[in-house]
Amino acid sequence: MTEANRIVELELELMSQRELLDTLNTALTEANATIDQLQKRTQRLERQVSELTSIIQEPPPNERPPHY
């Protein structure tokens, strides 16, 4: 293998690595955006559950109605 061929091989490998890095970067960026959206939805749902829990009270004790 000549030195020129080795340089061409290395350049091709470098180009391949850069393409892979770009692909992985795009996937990671999309995954982070999805995670952010899911975290916001989870926080919103937790807030709603908390609000509903505070609204819902335990049932009143089993007492006789006043007309007895």
Protein backbone atom coordinates (compact mmCIF):
# COMPACT_ATOMS: atom_id res chain seq x y z
CA MET A 1 0.00 0.00 0.00
CA THR A 2 1.43 3.32 -1.01
CA GLU A 3 1.53 6.35 1.18
CA ALA A 4 -1.01 8.11 -1.07
CA ASN A 5 -3.41 5.15 -0.73
CA ARG A 6 -3.00 5.20 3.04
CA ILE A 7 -3.81 8.91 3.12
CA VAL A 8 -6.90 8.33 0.96
CA GLU A 9 -7.99 5.48 3.28
CA LEU A 10 -7.52 7.68 6.33
CA GLU A 11 -9.44 10.54 4.74
CA LEU A 12 -12.31 8.19 3.86
CA GLU A 13 -12.34 6.83 7.40
CA LEU A 14 -12.33 10.37 8.80
CA MET A 15 -15.23 11.34 6.55
CA SER A 16 -17.14 8.25 7.66
CA GLN A 17 -16.49 9.08 11.31
CA ARG A 18 -17.68 12.65 10.82
CA GLU A 19 -20.91 11.44 9.18
CA LEU A 20 -21.47 9.02 12.05
CA LEU A 21 -20.82 11.78 14.57
CA ASP A 22 -23.32 14.06 12.82
CA THR A 23 -25.92 11.28 12.80
CA LEU A 24 -25.37 10.55 16.49
CA ASN A 25 -25.51 14.25 17.33
CA THR A 26 -28.84 14.61 15.53
CA ALA A 27 -30.26 11.56 17.31
CA LEU A 28 -29.07 12.85 20.68
CA THR A 29 -30.51 16.30 20.06
CA GLU A 30 -33.90 14.78 19.14
CA ALA A 31 -33.81 12.50 22.18
CA ASN A 32 -33.07 15.47 24.46
CA ALA A 33 -35.99 17.41 22.97
CA THR A 34 -38.28 14.42 23.57
CA ILE A 35 -37.03 14.06 27.14
CA ASP A 36 -37.68 17.76 27.79
CA GLN A 37 -41.24 17.43 26.47
CA LEU A 38 -41.87 14.34 28.59
CA GLN A 39 -40.50 16.04 31.69
CA LYS A 40 -42.81 19.02 31.16
CA ARG A 41 -45.80 16.69 30.66
CA THR A 42 -44.86 14.73 33.79
CA GLN A 43 -44.59 17.92 35.84
CA ARG A 44 -47.96 19.10 34.53
CA LEU A 45 -49.57 15.75 35.34
CA GLU A 46 -48.02 15.73 38.82
CA ARG A 47 -49.44 19.21 39.42
CA GLN A 48 -52.88 18.11 38.24
CA VAL A 49 -52.82 15.01 40.44
CA SER A 50 -51.76 17.11 43.39
CA GLU A 51 -54.59 19.59 42.78
CA LEU A 52 -57.14 16.81 42.40
CA THR A 53 -55.88 15.09 45.51
CA SER A 54 -56.33 18.26 47.53
CA ILE A 55 -59.88 18.65 46.16
CA ILE A 56 -60.92 15.09 46.89
CA GLN A 57 -61.58 14.62 50.56
CA GLU A 58 -62.08 11.49 52.52
CA PRO A 59 -65.71 10.43 52.59
CA PRO A 60 -67.62 11.71 55.61
CA PRO A 61 -67.89 9.33 58.53
CA ASN A 62 -70.83 6.98 58.48
CA GLU A 63 -73.20 9.08 60.58
CA ARG A 64 -76.93 8.94 60.89
CA PRO A 65 -78.75 11.61 58.93
CA PRO A 66 -80.22 14.40 61.04
CA HIS A 67 -83.82 13.23 60.57
CA TYR A 68 -83.31 10.04 62.69
